[in-house]
Amino acid sequence: MERFFIERSARMNRRARLRTMTGSEIIDTSIRVYQQLGWTFLRATILPTFFAVSAIAFVKSYILPSLFSTSDAGNLTTQFSEVAFAVALAVFVGGPLLVVGVSASTAIVTQLVSDFMIGNVPTADGAIRTAFRTLGSLVKVHFWELLLSGSGLIGALALSALSSLIDQATVDENVLAGIVALLAVGSMVVGGFIFLVVVSRHALAAPAAVLENLKPRAAAKRSVQLLKGQGPIISGYGNVWGLYVVLLVVSIVANVSLYGFLSMVGFPSRFESYFDNLPMGGLVIEALGLVPMFLWVWTLVPVWAVTVTIIYYERRIRLEGYDIEALAGDVWRSDRQNRFEL
């Protein structure tokens, strides 16, 4: 009986959610959804977050330091090979770990938010089963995004290598090496912009893959189709770029609050003393250092997934009349029930 009343109330209230929204209304709805389902999100995404944080820690601790050190300072060939090896490790070891973690968390949260939006009762077990079914497609989508968005960084590293090569092969008065070095710096800036553009174009690929069971290429095309404007209907890219601003603000507030609280309780220095003499104490201390990053990723990825799922439904309502389709489904369902009772 309790489940029946919950489901009936959810279906009655979904008409207030399935409607066209402005950018601010999308953010407000996202906040309310997070308030109601936040603990469910966090419980269901602990393990995927470990994968994502492991990838970030691997790149931060092993890949980035290797880019600024070399075993042979006088040999450019050795330096180039070391940089190429480090980049390959970042892409093909850290990249899959990050993509699997983010994809699994996104799939779980997307299914939970979808159930909430259309009036079903969100359950973590059902969302996890759906995530496993669609994880392969989502991983391919996100890994392709990672390669496309990383093209600017790879170009910057290539220009940096070219600058070093020109500097070694020409006289000191030649300014060409400096110009190429400046181009490398500019490529890094352009690479960051390319990352934002690629992610914005494919922002709705995850909801499309999970909720419509689409393959990677079809999901990416579906995202572009839903986000672009049609006639008098404006595009949805403004909502995605507005989400970037929200994520930046949330990230700053979360980091300031988190690090402020941890410094007040003396974390991690006070806790490290407890593990100094243990056999695996060094490993435990390293893990403690990752706690702030884990909490940051754990809370931020669901914010992204919640909002893009709401944008997905808003664009379908605006472009395809999905709210009318849902209402028609209610009418036909009620009609079948009445015929059965008669």
C-alpha atoms as a PDB file:
ATOM      1  CA  MET A   1       0.000   0.000   0.000  1.00  0.00           C
ATOM      2  CA  GLU A   2       2.815   2.396   0.867  1.00  0.00           C
ATOM      3  CA  ARG A   3       4.498   1.758  -2.483  1.00  0.00           C
ATOM      4  CA  PHE A   4       1.166   2.266  -4.289  1.00  0.00           C
ATOM      5  CA  PHE A   5       0.616   5.685  -2.687  1.00  0.00           C
ATOM      6  CA  ILE A   6       4.224   6.721  -3.330  1.00  0.00           C
ATOM      7  CA  GLU A   7       3.963   5.781  -7.000  1.00  0.00           C
ATOM      8  CA  ARG A   8       0.583   7.506  -7.409  1.00  0.00           C
ATOM      9  CA  SER A   9       1.888  10.680  -5.761  1.00  0.00           C
ATOM     10  CA  ALA A  10       5.034  10.590  -7.926  1.00  0.00           C
ATOM     11  CA  ARG A  11       2.984  10.233 -11.122  1.00  0.00           C
ATOM     12  CA  MET A  12       0.692  13.083 -10.139  1.00  0.00           C
ATOM     13  CA  ASN A  13       3.651  15.356  -9.341  1.00  0.00           C
ATOM     14  CA  ARG A  14       5.593  14.573 -12.488  1.00  0.00           C
ATOM     15  CA  ARG A  15       3.444  16.976 -14.504  1.00  0.00           C
ATOM     16  CA  ALA A  16       5.125  19.794 -12.584  1.00  0.00           C
ATOM     17  CA  ARG A  17       8.525  18.433 -13.638  1.00  0.00           C
ATOM     18  CA  LEU A  18       7.838  17.412 -17.250  1.00  0.00           C
ATOM     19  CA  ARG A  19       7.600  20.886 -18.748  1.00  0.00           C
ATOM     20  CA  THR A  20       9.745  23.415 -20.581  1.00  0.00           C
ATOM     21  CA  MET A  21      12.154  25.219 -18.262  1.00  0.00           C
ATOM     22  CA  THR A  22      14.509  28.160 -18.320  1.00  0.00           C
ATOM     23  CA  GLY A  23      18.151  27.729 -17.397  1.00  0.00           C
ATOM     24  CA  SER A  24      17.581  28.860 -13.808  1.00  0.00           C
ATOM     25  CA  GLU A  25      14.583  26.528 -13.440  1.00  0.00           C
ATOM     26  CA  ILE A  26      16.728  23.608 -14.610  1.00  0.00           C
ATOM     27  CA  ILE A  27      19.308  24.400 -11.928  1.00  0.00           C
ATOM     28  CA  ASP A  28      16.586  24.780  -9.274  1.00  0.00           C
ATOM     29  CA  THR A  29      15.078  21.425 -10.232  1.00  0.00           C
ATOM     30  CA  SER A  30      18.518  19.830 -10.157  1.00  0.00           C
ATOM     31  CA  ILE A  31      19.087  21.134  -6.626  1.00  0.00           C
ATOM     32  CA  ARG A  32      15.737  19.783  -5.432  1.00  0.00           C
ATOM     33  CA  VAL A  33      16.416  16.383  -6.992  1.00  0.00           C
ATOM     34  CA  TYR A  34      19.844  16.257  -5.356  1.00  0.00           C
ATOM     35  CA  GLN A  35      18.308  17.155  -1.999  1.00  0.00           C
ATOM     36  CA  GLN A  36      15.800  14.306  -2.242  1.00  0.00           C
ATOM     37  CA  LEU A  37      17.997  11.604  -3.773  1.00  0.00           C
ATOM     38  CA  GLY A  38      21.504  12.739  -2.810  1.00  0.00           C
ATOM     39  CA  TRP A  39      22.155   9.976  -0.289  1.00  0.00           C
ATOM     40  CA  THR A  40      20.940   7.354  -2.777  1.00  0.00           C
ATOM     41  CA  PHE A  41      23.330   8.787  -5.383  1.00  0.00           C
ATOM     42  CA  LEU A  42      26.270   8.663  -2.988  1.00  0.00           C
ATOM     43  CA  ARG A  43      25.592   5.134  -1.732  1.00  0.00           C
ATOM     44  CA  ALA A  44      25.283   3.767  -5.259  1.00  0.00           C
ATOM     45  CA  THR A  45      28.398   5.481  -6.685  1.00  0.00           C
ATOM     46  CA  ILE A  46      31.053   4.717  -4.048  1.00  0.00           C
ATOM     47  CA  LEU A  47      32.773   1.979  -6.074  1.00  0.00           C
ATOM     48  CA  PRO A  48      32.785   3.858  -9.424  1.00  0.00           C
ATOM     49  CA  THR A  49      34.247   6.865  -7.637  1.00  0.00           C
ATOM     50  CA  PHE A  50      37.176   4.717  -6.466  1.00  0.00           C
ATOM     51  CA  PHE A  51      37.991   3.937 -10.106  1.00  0.00           C
ATOM     52  CA  ALA A  52      37.874   7.612 -11.108  1.00  0.00           C
ATOM     53  CA  VAL A  53      39.981   8.763  -8.150  1.00  0.00           C
ATOM     54  CA  SER A  54      42.528   6.006  -8.794  1.00  0.00           C
ATOM     55  CA  ALA A  55      42.978   7.307 -12.343  1.00  0.00           C
ATOM     56  CA  ILE A  56      43.383  10.912 -11.190  1.00  0.00           C
ATOM     57  CA  ALA A  57      45.861   9.872  -8.480  1.00  0.00           C
ATOM     58  CA  PHE A  58      47.863   7.811 -10.995  1.00  0.00           C
ATOM     59  CA  VAL A  59      48.175  10.733 -13.413  1.00  0.00           C
ATOM     60  CA  LYS A  60      48.905  13.235 -10.634  1.00  0.00           C
ATOM     61  CA  SER A  61      51.507  11.138  -8.812  1.00  0.00           C
ATOM     62  CA  TYR A  62      53.287   9.346 -11.657  1.00  0.00           C
ATOM     63  CA  ILE A  63      52.528  10.915 -15.035  1.00  0.00           C
ATOM     64  CA  LEU A  64      52.750  14.670 -14.369  1.00  0.00           C
ATOM     65  CA  PRO A  65      56.103  14.492 -12.468  1.00  0.00           C
ATOM     66  CA  SER A  66      57.624  12.430 -15.292  1.00  0.00           C
ATOM     67  CA  LEU A  67      56.815  15.194 -17.799  1.00  0.00           C
ATOM     68  CA  PHE A  68      59.161  17.577 -15.972  1.00  0.00           C
ATOM     69  CA  SER A  69      62.076  15.207 -15.362  1.00  0.00           C
ATOM     70  CA  THR A  70      64.349  13.098 -17.559  1.00  0.00           C
ATOM     71  CA  SER A  71      67.028  10.471 -17.196  1.00  0.00           C
ATOM     72  CA  ASP A  72      69.276  12.115 -19.824  1.00  0.00           C
ATOM     73  CA  ALA A  73      69.139  15.913 -19.979  1.00  0.00           C
ATOM     74  CA  GLY A  74      71.439  16.056 -23.011  1.00  0.00           C
ATOM     75  CA  ASN A  75      69.569  13.656 -25.271  1.00  0.00           C
ATOM     76  CA  LEU A  76      66.433  14.961 -26.977  1.00  0.00           C
ATOM     77  CA  THR A  77      65.502  11.545 -28.328  1.00  0.00           C
ATOM     78  CA  THR A  78      65.393  10.114 -24.818  1.00  0.00           C
ATOM     79  CA  GLN A  79      63.330  13.048 -23.586  1.00  0.00           C
ATOM     80  CA  PHE A  80      60.821  12.729 -26.437  1.00  0.00           C
ATOM     81  CA  SER A  81      60.443   8.981 -25.880  1.00  0.00           C
ATOM     82  CA  GLU A  82      59.882   9.510 -22.136  1.00  0.00           C
ATOM     83  CA  VAL A  83      57.200  12.126 -22.761  1.00  0.00           C
ATOM     84  CA  ALA A  84      55.501   9.927 -25.375  1.00  0.00           C
ATOM     85  CA  PHE A  85      55.545   6.969 -22.980  1.00  0.00           C
ATOM     86  CA  ALA A  86      54.087   9.079 -20.151  1.00  0.00           C
ATOM     87  CA  VAL A  87      51.284  10.385 -22.390  1.00  0.00           C
ATOM     88  CA  ALA A  88      50.517   6.843 -23.585  1.00  0.00           C
ATOM     89  CA  LEU A  89      50.289   5.638 -19.978  1.00  0.00           C
ATOM     90  CA  ALA A  90      47.971   8.525 -19.098  1.00  0.00           C
ATOM     91  CA  VAL A  91      45.659   7.826 -22.048  1.00  0.00           C
ATOM     92  CA  PHE A  92      45.599   4.016 -22.029  1.00  0.00           C
ATOM     93  CA  VAL A  93      45.943   3.283 -18.286  1.00  0.00           C
ATOM     94  CA  GLY A  94      44.580   6.310 -16.459  1.00  0.00           C
ATOM     95  CA  GLY A  95      42.037   7.090 -19.186  1.00  0.00           C
ATOM     96  CA  PRO A  96      40.098   3.785 -19.027  1.00  0.00           C
ATOM     97  CA  LEU A  97      39.985   3.862 -15.216  1.00  0.00           C
ATOM     98  CA  LEU A  98      38.630   7.401 -15.249  1.00  0.00           C
ATOM     99  CA  VAL A  99      36.137   6.686 -18.017  1.00  0.00           C
ATOM    100  CA  VAL A 100      34.798   3.516 -16.372  1.00  0.00           C
ATOM    101  CA  GLY A 101      34.332   5.284 -13.036  1.00  0.00           C
ATOM    102  CA  VAL A 102      32.647   8.373 -14.463  1.00  0.00           C
ATOM    103  CA  SER A 103      30.509   6.318 -16.869  1.00  0.00           C
ATOM    104  CA  ALA A 104      29.229   3.989 -14.155  1.00  0.00           C
ATOM    105  CA  SER A 105      28.398   6.862 -11.798  1.00  0.00           C
ATOM    106  CA  THR A 106      26.695   8.782 -14.605  1.00  0.00           C
ATOM    107  CA  ALA A 107      24.624   5.771 -15.694  1.00  0.00           C
ATOM    108  CA  ILE A 108      23.429   5.057 -12.149  1.00  0.00           C
ATOM    109  CA  VAL A 109      22.495   8.668 -11.390  1.00  0.00           C
ATOM    110  CA  THR A 110      20.854   9.113 -14.805  1.00  0.00           C
ATOM    111  CA  GLN A 111      18.533   6.167 -14.240  1.00  0.00           C
ATOM    112  CA  LEU A 112      17.611   7.344 -10.731  1.00  0.00           C
ATOM    113  CA  VAL A 113      16.843  10.870 -11.945  1.00  0.00           C
ATOM    114  CA  SER A 114      14.876   9.519 -14.901  1.00  0.00           C
ATOM    115  CA  ASP A 115      12.678   7.433 -12.591  1.00  0.00           C
ATOM    116  CA  PHE A 116      12.084  10.510 -10.457  1.00  0.00           C
ATOM    117  CA  MET A 117      11.236  12.704 -13.439  1.00  0.00           C
ATOM    118  CA  ILE A 118       8.720  10.310 -15.034  1.00  0.00           C
ATOM    119  CA  GLY A 119       7.043   9.364 -11.770  1.00  0.00           C
ATOM    120  CA  ASN A 120       8.564   5.972 -10.944  1.00  0.00           C
ATOM    121  CA  VAL A 121      10.007   5.133  -7.539  1.00  0.00           C
ATOM    122  CA  PRO A 122      13.829   5.436  -7.810  1.00  0.00           C
ATOM    123  CA  THR A 123      15.667   2.340  -6.557  1.00  0.00           C
ATOM    124  CA  ALA A 124      19.431   1.958  -6.376  1.00  0.00           C
ATOM    125  CA  ASP A 125      19.342  -1.756  -7.286  1.00  0.00           C
ATOM    126  CA  GLY A 126      17.384  -1.116 -10.481  1.00  0.00           C
ATOM    127  CA  ALA A 127      19.654   1.781 -11.437  1.00  0.00           C
ATOM    128  CA  ILE A 128      22.768  -0.350 -10.925  1.00  0.00           C
ATOM    129  CA  ARG A 129      21.344  -3.126 -13.130  1.00  0.00           C
ATOM    130  CA  THR A 130      20.598  -0.578 -15.852  1.00  0.00           C
ATOM    131  CA  ALA A 131      24.115   0.858 -15.505  1.00  0.00           C
ATOM    132  CA  PHE A 132      25.702  -2.561 -16.083  1.00  0.00           C
ATOM    133  CA  ARG A 133      23.537  -3.071 -19.175  1.00  0.00           C
ATOM    134  CA  THR A 134      24.539   0.219 -20.788  1.00  0.00           C
ATOM    135  CA  LEU A 135      28.059   0.657 -19.364  1.00  0.00           C
ATOM    136  CA  GLY A 136      29.802  -0.576 -22.516  1.00  0.00           C
ATOM    137  CA  SER A 137      28.193   2.030 -24.762  1.00  0.00           C
ATOM    138  CA  LEU A 138      28.745   4.783 -22.236  1.00  0.00           C
ATOM    139  CA  VAL A 139      32.431   3.909 -21.803  1.00  0.00           C
ATOM    140  CA  LYS A 140      32.947   4.111 -25.582  1.00  0.00           C
ATOM    141  CA  VAL A 141      31.202   7.496 -25.735  1.00  0.00           C
ATOM    142  CA  HIS A 142      33.249   8.975 -22.889  1.00  0.00           C
ATOM    143  CA  PHE A 143      36.562   7.487 -24.078  1.00  0.00           C
ATOM    144  CA  TRP A 144      36.013   9.001 -27.534  1.00  0.00           C
ATOM    145  CA  GLU A 145      35.277  12.334 -25.849  1.00  0.00           C
ATOM    146  CA  LEU A 146      38.508  11.985 -23.851  1.00  0.00           C
ATOM    147  CA  LEU A 147      40.548  11.448 -27.013  1.00  0.00           C
ATOM    148  CA  LEU A 148      38.898  14.359 -28.853  1.00  0.00           C
ATOM    149  CA  SER A 149      39.152  16.750 -25.927  1.00  0.00           C
ATOM    150  CA  GLY A 150      42.780  15.786 -25.305  1.00  0.00           C
ATOM    151  CA  SER A 151      43.816  16.686 -28.846  1.00  0.00           C
ATOM    152  CA  GLY A 152      44.773  20.211 -27.788  1.00  0.00           C
ATOM    153  CA  LEU A 153      47.073  18.950 -25.021  1.00  0.00           C
ATOM    154  CA  ILE A 154      48.703  16.427 -27.341  1.00  0.00           C
ATOM    155  CA  GLY A 155      49.233  19.206 -29.908  1.00  0.00           C
ATOM    156  CA  ALA A 156      50.788  21.413 -27.219  1.00  0.00           C
ATOM    157  CA  LEU A 157      53.228  18.658 -26.220  1.00  0.00           C
ATOM    158  CA  ALA A 158      54.143  18.113 -29.879  1.00  0.00           C
ATOM    159  CA  LEU A 159      54.831  21.838 -30.344  1.00  0.00           C
ATOM    160  CA  SER A 160      56.903  21.895 -27.152  1.00  0.00           C
ATOM    161  CA  ALA A 161      58.997  19.031 -28.497  1.00  0.00           C
ATOM    162  CA  LEU A 162      59.380  20.833 -31.828  1.00  0.00           C
ATOM    163  CA  SER A 163      60.473  23.991 -29.999  1.00  0.00           C
ATOM    164  CA  SER A 164      63.182  22.064 -28.144  1.00  0.00           C
ATOM    165  CA  LEU A 165      64.342  20.447 -31.369  1.00  0.00           C
ATOM    166  CA  ILE A 166      64.582  23.805 -33.169  1.00  0.00           C
ATOM    167  CA  ASP A 167      66.427  25.331 -30.201  1.00  0.00           C
ATOM    168  CA  GLN A 168      69.031  22.560 -30.314  1.00  0.00           C
ATOM    169  CA  ALA A 169      69.448  22.652 -34.105  1.00  0.00           C
ATOM    170  CA  THR A 170      69.717  26.436 -34.613  1.00  0.00           C
ATOM    171  CA  VAL A 171      71.774  29.311 -33.266  1.00  0.00           C
ATOM    172  CA  ASP A 172      70.773  31.132 -30.098  1.00  0.00           C
ATOM    173  CA  GLU A 173      69.659  34.236 -32.008  1.00  0.00           C
ATOM    174  CA  ASN A 174      66.959  32.316 -33.860  1.00  0.00           C
ATOM    175  CA  VAL A 175      63.540  33.355 -32.519  1.00  0.00           C
ATOM    176  CA  LEU A 176      61.689  30.521 -34.227  1.00  0.00           C
ATOM    177  CA  ALA A 177      62.032  28.254 -31.199  1.00  0.00           C
ATOM    178  CA  GLY A 178      60.466  30.908 -28.969  1.00  0.00           C
ATOM    179  CA  ILE A 179      57.585  31.434 -31.393  1.00  0.00           C
ATOM    180  CA  VAL A 180      56.875  27.691 -31.461  1.00  0.00           C
ATOM    181  CA  ALA A 181      57.010  27.614 -27.646  1.00  0.00           C
ATOM    182  CA  LEU A 182      54.408  30.407 -27.512  1.00  0.00           C
ATOM    183  CA  LEU A 183      52.260  28.452 -29.945  1.00  0.00           C
ATOM    184  CA  ALA A 184      52.539  25.471 -27.591  1.00  0.00           C
ATOM    185  CA  VAL A 185      51.220  27.585 -24.708  1.00  0.00           C
ATOM    186  CA  GLY A 186      48.406  28.838 -26.923  1.00  0.00           C
ATOM    187  CA  SER A 187      47.600  25.259 -27.915  1.00  0.00           C
ATOM    188  CA  MET A 188      47.095  24.363 -24.264  1.00  0.00           C
ATOM    189  CA  VAL A 189      44.569  27.203 -23.917  1.00  0.00           C
ATOM    190  CA  VAL A 190      42.844  26.147 -27.137  1.00  0.00           C
ATOM    191  CA  GLY A 191      42.892  22.555 -25.886  1.00  0.00           C
ATOM    192  CA  GLY A 192      40.938  23.564 -22.789  1.00  0.00           C
ATOM    193  CA  PHE A 193      38.333  25.289 -24.963  1.00  0.00           C
ATOM    194  CA  ILE A 194      38.149  22.237 -27.259  1.00  0.00           C
ATOM    195  CA  PHE A 195      37.506  20.086 -24.178  1.00  0.00           C
ATOM    196  CA  LEU A 196      34.542  22.247 -23.146  1.00  0.00           C
ATOM    197  CA  VAL A 197      33.120  22.298 -26.682  1.00  0.00           C
ATOM    198  CA  VAL A 198      33.389  18.514 -27.144  1.00  0.00           C
ATOM    199  CA  VAL A 199      31.809  17.802 -23.759  1.00  0.00           C
ATOM    200  CA  SER A 200      28.990  20.294 -24.420  1.00  0.00           C
ATOM    201  CA  ARG A 201      28.140  18.707 -27.796  1.00  0.00           C
ATOM    202  CA  HIS A 202      27.984  15.226 -26.245  1.00  0.00           C
ATOM    203  CA  ALA A 203      26.507  16.276 -22.892  1.00  0.00           C
ATOM    204  CA  LEU A 204      23.249  14.407 -23.522  1.00  0.00           C
ATOM    205  CA  ALA A 205      24.889  11.302 -24.966  1.00  0.00           C
ATOM    206  CA  ALA A 206      24.886   9.598 -21.562  1.00  0.00           C
ATOM    207  CA  PRO A 207      21.128  10.038 -20.926  1.00  0.00           C
ATOM    208  CA  ALA A 208      20.419   9.027 -24.535  1.00  0.00           C
ATOM    209  CA  ALA A 209      22.545   5.875 -24.230  1.00  0.00           C
ATOM    210  CA  VAL A 210      21.035   4.886 -20.865  1.00  0.00           C
ATOM    211  CA  LEU A 211      17.390   5.813 -21.406  1.00  0.00           C
ATOM    212  CA  GLU A 212      17.058   5.031 -25.130  1.00  0.00           C
ATOM    213  CA  ASN A 213      19.567   2.140 -25.169  1.00  0.00           C
ATOM    214  CA  LEU A 214      21.524   3.665 -28.062  1.00  0.00           C
ATOM    215  CA  LYS A 215      24.932   2.671 -29.358  1.00  0.00           C
ATOM    216  CA  PRO A 216      27.844   5.122 -28.890  1.00  0.00           C
ATOM    217  CA  ARG A 217      27.709   6.802 -32.302  1.00  0.00           C
ATOM    218  CA  ALA A 218      23.905   7.047 -32.225  1.00  0.00           C
ATOM    219  CA  ALA A 219      23.994   8.460 -28.683  1.00  0.00           C
ATOM    220  CA  ALA A 220      26.470  11.176 -29.709  1.00  0.00           C
ATOM    221  CA  LYS A 221      24.321  12.115 -32.726  1.00  0.00           C
ATOM    222  CA  ARG A 222      21.216  12.127 -30.541  1.00  0.00           C
ATOM    223  CA  SER A 223      22.893  14.573 -28.150  1.00  0.00           C
ATOM    224  CA  VAL A 224      23.741  16.976 -30.962  1.00  0.00           C
ATOM    225  CA  GLN A 225      20.221  16.636 -32.374  1.00  0.00           C
ATOM    226  CA  LEU A 226      18.566  17.495 -29.047  1.00  0.00           C
ATOM    227  CA  LEU A 227      20.866  20.405 -28.221  1.00  0.00           C
ATOM    228  CA  LYS A 228      20.797  22.268 -31.516  1.00  0.00           C
ATOM    229  CA  GLY A 229      18.136  24.881 -32.146  1.00  0.00           C
ATOM    230  CA  GLN A 230      15.250  24.307 -34.555  1.00  0.00           C
ATOM    231  CA  GLY A 231      13.461  27.319 -36.025  1.00  0.00           C
ATOM    232  CA  PRO A 232      12.196  29.545 -33.206  1.00  0.00           C
ATOM    233  CA  ILE A 233      13.433  27.081 -30.569  1.00  0.00           C
ATOM    234  CA  ILE A 234      16.846  28.158 -29.282  1.00  0.00           C
ATOM    235  CA  SER A 235      19.648  25.654 -28.781  1.00  0.00           C
ATOM    236  CA  GLY A 236      20.314  23.976 -25.458  1.00  0.00           C
ATOM    237  CA  TYR A 237      24.050  24.665 -25.404  1.00  0.00           C
ATOM    238  CA  GLY A 238      23.472  27.698 -23.171  1.00  0.00           C
ATOM    239  CA  ASN A 239      22.135  25.376 -20.460  1.00  0.00           C
ATOM    240  CA  VAL A 240      25.247  23.182 -20.674  1.00  0.00           C
ATOM    241  CA  TRP A 241      27.621  26.156 -20.487  1.00  0.00           C
ATOM    242  CA  GLY A 242      25.576  27.496 -17.589  1.00  0.00           C
ATOM    243  CA  LEU A 243      26.138  24.134 -15.909  1.00  0.00           C
ATOM    244  CA  TYR A 244      29.888  24.652 -16.353  1.00  0.00           C
ATOM    245  CA  VAL A 245      29.604  27.839 -14.288  1.00  0.00           C
ATOM    246  CA  VAL A 246      27.544  26.052 -11.622  1.00  0.00           C
ATOM    247  CA  LEU A 247      30.089  23.236 -11.425  1.00  0.00           C
ATOM    248  CA  LEU A 248      32.911  25.769 -11.079  1.00  0.00           C
ATOM    249  CA  VAL A 249      31.129  27.552  -8.232  1.00  0.00           C
ATOM    250  CA  VAL A 250      30.179  24.287  -6.511  1.00  0.00           C
ATOM    251  CA  SER A 251      33.734  23.028  -6.895  1.00  0.00           C
ATOM    252  CA  ILE A 252      35.220  26.170  -5.345  1.00  0.00           C
ATOM    253  CA  VAL A 253      32.745  26.186  -2.448  1.00  0.00           C
ATOM    254  CA  ALA A 254      33.179  22.459  -1.832  1.00  0.00           C
ATOM    255  CA  ASN A 255      36.976  22.672  -1.876  1.00  0.00           C
ATOM    256  CA  VAL A 256      37.126  25.706   0.412  1.00  0.00           C
ATOM    257  CA  SER A 257      34.660  24.142   2.859  1.00  0.00           C
ATOM    258  CA  LEU A 258      36.270  20.714   2.728  1.00  0.00           C
ATOM    259  CA  TYR A 259      39.873  21.832   3.131  1.00  0.00           C
ATOM    260  CA  GLY A 260      38.841  24.333   5.790  1.00  0.00           C
ATOM    261  CA  PHE A 261      37.138  21.613   7.832  1.00  0.00           C
ATOM    262  CA  LEU A 262      40.020  19.158   7.367  1.00  0.00           C
ATOM    263  CA  SER A 263      42.577  21.749   8.460  1.00  0.00           C
ATOM    264  CA  MET A 264      40.501  22.479  11.574  1.00  0.00           C
ATOM    265  CA  VAL A 265      40.574  18.814  12.634  1.00  0.00           C
ATOM    266  CA  GLY A 266      44.258  18.473  11.718  1.00  0.00           C
ATOM    267  CA  PHE A 267      43.769  16.155   8.753  1.00  0.00           C
ATOM    268  CA  PRO A 268      45.870  14.379   7.600  1.00  0.00           C
ATOM    269  CA  SER A 269      48.891  15.192   9.812  1.00  0.00           C
ATOM    270  CA  ARG A 270      47.163  14.232  13.068  1.00  0.00           C
ATOM    271  CA  PHE A 271      45.963  10.928  11.625  1.00  0.00           C
ATOM    272  CA  GLU A 272      49.238  10.036   9.909  1.00  0.00           C
ATOM    273  CA  SER A 273      50.940   9.606  13.289  1.00  0.00           C
ATOM    274  CA  TYR A 274      48.604   6.676  14.030  1.00  0.00           C
ATOM    275  CA  PHE A 275      49.928   4.673  11.075  1.00  0.00           C
ATOM    276  CA  ASP A 276      53.675   5.476  11.130  1.00  0.00           C
ATOM    277  CA  ASN A 277      54.705   2.179  12.747  1.00  0.00           C
ATOM    278  CA  LEU A 278      52.222  -0.107  11.007  1.00  0.00           C
ATOM    279  CA  PRO A 279      53.413  -2.565   8.279  1.00  0.00           C
ATOM    280  CA  MET A 280      51.236  -0.917   5.617  1.00  0.00           C
ATOM    281  CA  GLY A 281      51.334   2.515   7.195  1.00  0.00           C
ATOM    282  CA  GLY A 282      52.815   4.288   4.174  1.00  0.00           C
ATOM    283  CA  LEU A 283      50.061   2.995   1.923  1.00  0.00           C
ATOM    284  CA  VAL A 284      47.396   4.041   4.425  1.00  0.00           C
ATOM    285  CA  ILE A 285      48.905   7.538   4.653  1.00  0.00           C
ATOM    286  CA  GLU A 286      48.881   7.813   0.847  1.00  0.00           C
ATOM    287  CA  ALA A 287      45.226   6.760   0.831  1.00  0.00           C
ATOM    288  CA  LEU A 288      44.393   9.379   3.468  1.00  0.00           C
ATOM    289  CA  GLY A 289      45.857  12.032   1.210  1.00  0.00           C
ATOM    290  CA  LEU A 290      43.311  11.063  -1.472  1.00  0.00           C
ATOM    291  CA  VAL A 291      40.285  11.540   0.790  1.00  0.00           C
ATOM    292  CA  PRO A 292      39.653  15.198  -0.200  1.00  0.00           C
ATOM    293  CA  MET A 293      39.871  14.323  -3.911  1.00  0.00           C
ATOM    294  CA  PHE A 294      37.549  11.357  -3.396  1.00  0.00           C
ATOM    295  CA  LEU A 295      34.930  13.496  -1.649  1.00  0.00           C
ATOM    296  CA  TRP A 296      35.192  16.125  -4.401  1.00  0.00           C
ATOM    297  CA  VAL A 297      34.671  13.636  -7.252  1.00  0.00           C
ATOM    298  CA  TRP A 298      32.033  11.722  -5.269  1.00  0.00           C
ATOM    299  CA  THR A 299      29.811  14.778  -4.927  1.00  0.00           C
ATOM    300  CA  LEU A 300      30.555  16.580  -8.217  1.00  0.00           C
ATOM    301  CA  VAL A 301      29.908  13.834 -10.791  1.00  0.00           C
ATOM    302  CA  PRO A 302      26.287  13.322  -9.608  1.00  0.00           C
ATOM    303  CA  VAL A 303      25.686  17.080  -9.930  1.00  0.00           C
ATOM    304  CA  TRP A 304      26.657  16.869 -13.601  1.00  0.00           C
ATOM    305  CA  ALA A 305      24.620  13.691 -14.213  1.00  0.00           C
ATOM    306  CA  VAL A 306      21.498  15.055 -12.493  1.00  0.00           C
ATOM    307  CA  THR A 307      21.510  18.294 -14.471  1.00  0.00           C
ATOM    308  CA  VAL A 308      22.205  16.808 -17.920  1.00  0.00           C
ATOM    309  CA  THR A 309      19.390  14.286 -17.368  1.00  0.00           C
ATOM    310  CA  ILE A 310      16.983  17.118 -16.576  1.00  0.00           C
ATOM    311  CA  ILE A 311      18.245  19.010 -19.652  1.00  0.00           C
ATOM    312  CA  TYR A 312      17.659  15.844 -21.712  1.00  0.00           C
ATOM    313  CA  TYR A 313      14.004  15.687 -20.667  1.00  0.00           C
ATOM    314  CA  GLU A 314      13.557  19.447 -21.098  1.00  0.00           C
ATOM    315  CA  ARG A 315      14.897  19.294 -24.658  1.00  0.00           C
ATOM    316  CA  ARG A 316      12.690  16.305 -25.505  1.00  0.00           C
ATOM    317  CA  ILE A 317       9.655  18.157 -24.170  1.00  0.00           C
ATOM    318  CA  ARG A 318      10.573  21.334 -26.043  1.00  0.00           C
ATOM    319  CA  LEU A 319      11.397  19.641 -29.350  1.00  0.00           C
ATOM    320  CA  GLU A 320       9.329  16.445 -29.372  1.00  0.00           C
ATOM    321  CA  GLY A 321       6.432  17.040 -26.984  1.00  0.00           C
ATOM    322  CA  TYR A 322       7.492  14.285 -24.617  1.00  0.00           C
ATOM    323  CA  ASP A 323       5.170  15.636 -21.897  1.00  0.00           C
ATOM    324  CA  ILE A 324       2.180  15.063 -24.217  1.00  0.00           C
ATOM    325  CA  GLU A 325       3.438  11.540 -24.914  1.00  0.00           C
ATOM    326  CA  ALA A 326       3.662  10.833 -21.175  1.00  0.00           C
ATOM    327  CA  LEU A 327       0.174  12.263 -20.586  1.00  0.00           C
ATOM    328  CA  ALA A 328      -1.198  10.110 -23.410  1.00  0.00           C
ATOM    329  CA  GLY A 329       0.390   7.083 -21.777  1.00  0.00           C
ATOM    330  CA  ASP A 330      -1.462   7.909 -18.548  1.00  0.00           C
ATOM    331  CA  VAL A 331      -4.733   8.238 -20.429  1.00  0.00           C
ATOM    332  CA  TRP A 332      -4.327   4.887 -22.192  1.00  0.00           C
ATOM    333  CA  ARG A 333      -3.277   3.237 -18.928  1.00  0.00           C
ATOM    334  CA  SER A 334      -6.339   4.620 -17.148  1.00  0.00           C
ATOM    335  CA  ASP A 335      -8.564   3.568 -20.061  1.00  0.00           C
ATOM    336  CA  ARG A 336      -7.288  -0.022 -19.886  1.00  0.00           C
ATOM    337  CA  GLN A 337      -7.886  -0.095 -16.144  1.00  0.00           C
ATOM    338  CA  ASN A 338     -11.469   1.158 -16.577  1.00  0.00           C
ATOM    339  CA  ARG A 339     -12.172  -1.405 -19.287  1.00  0.00           C
ATOM    340  CA  PHE A 340     -10.797  -4.126 -17.049  1.00  0.00           C
ATOM    341  CA  GLU A 341     -12.992  -2.997 -14.138  1.00  0.00           C
ATOM    342  CA  LEU A 342     -16.064  -2.896 -16.360  1.00  0.00           C
END
